[in-house]
Protein backbone atom coordinates (compact mmCIF):
# COMPACT_ATOMS: atom_id res chain seq x y z
CA MET A 1 74.44 121.31 75.40
CA LYS A 2 75.97 121.84 79.05
CA LYS A 3 77.04 118.56 80.75
CA ASN A 4 76.18 118.09 84.63
CA ASP A 5 76.34 114.41 85.11
CA LYS A 6 78.82 113.55 88.07
CA GLN A 7 80.03 110.16 86.94
CA GLU A 8 80.64 111.65 83.38
CA ARG A 9 82.43 114.65 84.73
CA GLN A 10 84.62 112.38 87.06
CA ASP A 11 85.39 110.03 84.16
CA ALA A 12 86.73 113.06 82.13
CA ILE A 13 88.66 114.33 85.14
CA GLY A 14 90.60 110.99 85.60
CA GLU A 15 91.13 110.84 81.55
CA ILE A 16 92.68 114.16 81.56
CA LEU A 17 94.69 113.54 84.76
CA ARG A 18 96.03 110.58 83.10
CA GLU A 19 96.68 111.69 79.92
CA SER A 20 98.44 115.40 80.75
CA ALA A 21 100.06 117.19 83.60
CA VAL A 22 97.59 119.54 85.21
CA GLY A 23 99.14 122.06 87.80
CA SER A 24 95.95 124.04 89.07
CA GLN A 25 92.58 123.59 89.52
CA ASP A 26 91.65 126.48 87.17
CA ASP A 27 93.44 124.87 84.53
CA LEU A 28 91.69 121.84 84.88
CA MET A 29 88.06 123.63 85.02
CA ASN A 30 88.86 125.39 81.85
CA ILE A 31 89.79 122.06 80.28
CA LEU A 32 86.49 120.67 81.44
CA ILE A 33 84.32 123.70 80.62
CA ASP A 34 85.75 123.49 76.76
CA LYS A 35 84.52 119.97 76.98
CA GLY A 36 81.15 121.06 77.55
CA PHE A 37 80.96 120.72 81.43
CA GLU A 38 79.16 123.06 83.65
CA LEU A 39 80.76 123.18 87.03
CA THR A 40 82.00 125.57 89.63
CA GLN A 41 85.11 125.53 91.90
CA ALA A 42 83.67 123.98 94.66
CA THR A 43 82.20 121.10 92.62
CA LEU A 44 85.64 120.36 91.23
CA SER A 45 87.07 120.57 94.83
CA ARG A 46 84.53 118.09 95.97
CA ASP A 47 85.23 115.92 92.96
CA PHE A 48 88.95 115.78 94.02
CA ARG A 49 88.25 114.89 97.40
CA GLU A 50 85.73 112.13 96.23
CA MET A 51 88.29 110.92 93.80
CA LYS A 52 91.21 111.25 96.42
CA ILE A 53 93.17 113.15 93.77
CA ALA A 54 96.66 114.51 95.35
CA LYS A 55 99.18 117.20 94.29
CA THR A 56 102.71 115.61 93.89
CA PRO A 57 106.04 116.60 92.31
CA ASP A 58 106.65 115.39 88.87
CA THR A 59 110.25 114.76 87.27
CA ALA A 60 110.84 118.39 87.12
CA GLY A 61 109.82 119.32 90.49
CA ASN A 62 106.54 121.03 89.56
CA TYR A 63 103.40 120.15 91.57
CA VAL A 64 100.73 118.38 89.47
CA TYR A 65 97.41 116.41 89.98
CA ARG A 66 97.47 112.77 90.34
CA LEU A 67 94.90 109.84 90.79
CA PRO A 68 95.32 107.59 93.64
CA ALA A 69 94.58 104.41 91.64
CA MET A 70 97.58 104.21 89.50
CA HIS A 71 98.52 100.70 88.67
CA LEU A 72 102.21 99.62 88.93
CA PRO A 73 103.34 97.37 86.28
CA GLU A 74 105.09 94.25 87.45
CA ALA A 75 108.47 94.89 88.68
CA LYS A 76 111.50 93.36 87.10
CA SER A 77 113.70 91.61 89.16
CA GLN A 78 117.01 93.32 89.39
CA LYS A 79 120.11 92.83 91.85
CA GLN A 80 119.89 95.51 93.88
CA GLY A 81 121.78 96.27 97.50
CA MET A 82 119.80 97.56 100.66
CA ILE A 83 120.49 100.84 99.73
CA CYS A 84 119.24 102.08 96.16
CA PRO A 85 119.74 105.59 95.07
CA PHE A 86 116.63 107.10 93.05
CA TYR A 87 117.27 110.44 91.34
CA ARG A 88 113.74 111.14 89.82
CA ASN A 89 110.56 112.45 91.26
CA GLY A 90 111.92 113.37 94.68
CA VAL A 91 113.32 110.29 95.87
CA LEU A 92 116.92 110.11 96.61
CA ASN A 93 117.47 107.05 98.22
CA ILE A 94 115.89 104.11 100.46
CA GLU A 95 117.95 102.39 103.31
CA PHE A 96 116.10 99.22 105.19
CA SER A 97 116.50 98.21 108.92
CA GLY A 98 114.42 95.67 109.97
CA GLN A 99 110.93 96.05 109.26
CA MET A 100 111.57 99.81 108.53
CA ALA A 101 112.83 101.74 105.52
CA VAL A 102 113.97 105.39 105.53
CA VAL A 103 113.31 107.19 102.49
CA LYS A 104 115.08 110.50 101.67
CA THR A 105 113.73 113.08 99.83
CA PRO A 106 114.66 116.73 98.60
CA ARG A 107 113.48 119.36 101.23
CA GLY A 108 109.37 119.44 101.14
CA TYR A 109 108.94 116.31 99.06
CA ALA A 110 108.15 113.83 101.71
CA GLN A 111 104.62 114.43 102.27
CA GLY A 112 104.11 114.18 98.63
CA VAL A 113 106.21 110.98 98.23
CA ALA A 114 104.34 109.35 101.19
CA GLN A 115 100.88 110.23 99.96
CA ASP A 116 101.97 108.43 96.57
CA ILE A 117 103.23 105.67 98.20
CA ASP A 118 99.84 105.48 100.48
CA ALA A 119 97.65 105.79 97.46
CA ASN A 120 99.25 103.05 95.29
CA GLN A 121 99.11 100.43 98.30
CA ILE A 122 102.65 98.98 97.61
CA PRO A 123 102.49 95.38 98.72
CA GLY A 124 104.55 95.01 101.86
CA VAL A 125 104.34 98.47 102.82
CA MET A 126 102.12 98.78 105.88
CA ALA A 127 102.27 102.63 106.89
CA THR A 128 104.20 105.82 105.98
CA ILE A 129 105.22 108.72 108.28
CA ALA A 130 106.52 111.73 106.63
CA GLY A 131 108.64 114.55 107.64
CA ASN A 132 109.99 117.33 105.58
CA ASP A 133 112.63 115.41 103.63
CA THR A 134 112.69 111.97 105.19
CA LEU A 135 109.59 109.53 105.28
CA MET A 136 109.70 106.21 107.24
CA LEU A 137 108.25 103.18 105.93
CA VAL A 138 106.57 100.65 107.88
CA LEU A 139 106.80 97.35 106.44
CA ARG A 140 104.80 94.18 106.75
CA GLU A 141 106.05 90.94 108.43
CA ASN A 142 108.45 89.37 105.91
CA ALA A 143 107.96 91.99 103.27
CA ASP A 144 110.14 91.69 100.00
CA LYS A 145 112.48 94.49 100.20
CA LEU A 146 113.37 94.12 96.46
CA ALA A 147 110.12 94.07 95.55
CA ILE A 148 109.46 97.44 97.27
CA ILE A 149 112.18 98.89 95.61
CA ASN A 150 111.25 98.05 92.26
CA SER A 151 107.84 99.28 93.01
CA LEU A 152 109.16 102.53 94.00
CA LYS A 153 111.18 102.88 90.73
CA ILE A 154 108.14 102.07 88.81
CA LEU A 155 106.03 104.71 90.64
CA PHE A 156 108.76 107.32 90.72
CA SER A 157 110.16 106.70 87.09
CA LYS A 158 110.58 109.57 84.45
CA SER A 159 107.53 107.79 82.32
CA ASN A 160 104.72 108.96 85.51
């Protein structure tokens, strides 16, 4: 029996994306068809828009689909300077100046990193502006910079 229920399909999409790295809509569509869903490419694209699914780089630099509502675990307090190097998932470093932060990424990664930051609504970050290899974070008044660094570490760790 073929499954056509939109909510059931979107729940399945969420489960698949949380459990495995999917790099193309065709791969995801084939997985859903194998699970008994009846859908077209247009339906899947519509689901992606409604669910706000984005394609972002993984730890190996491959682009995979991610859900926007990833919940960040509580950040552990660590002693950090105002410049903190990251070597995973496209973030090279972050440097703060007043109510702004500049994040350096490899060429072509800034927009994907900014999209992840926006989708996860990191406390203290009001907005992102992305270029090719640099993005700027506009911080809220009295933002906890250490908490932002720790949230970014969690978001861009190897386990994601």
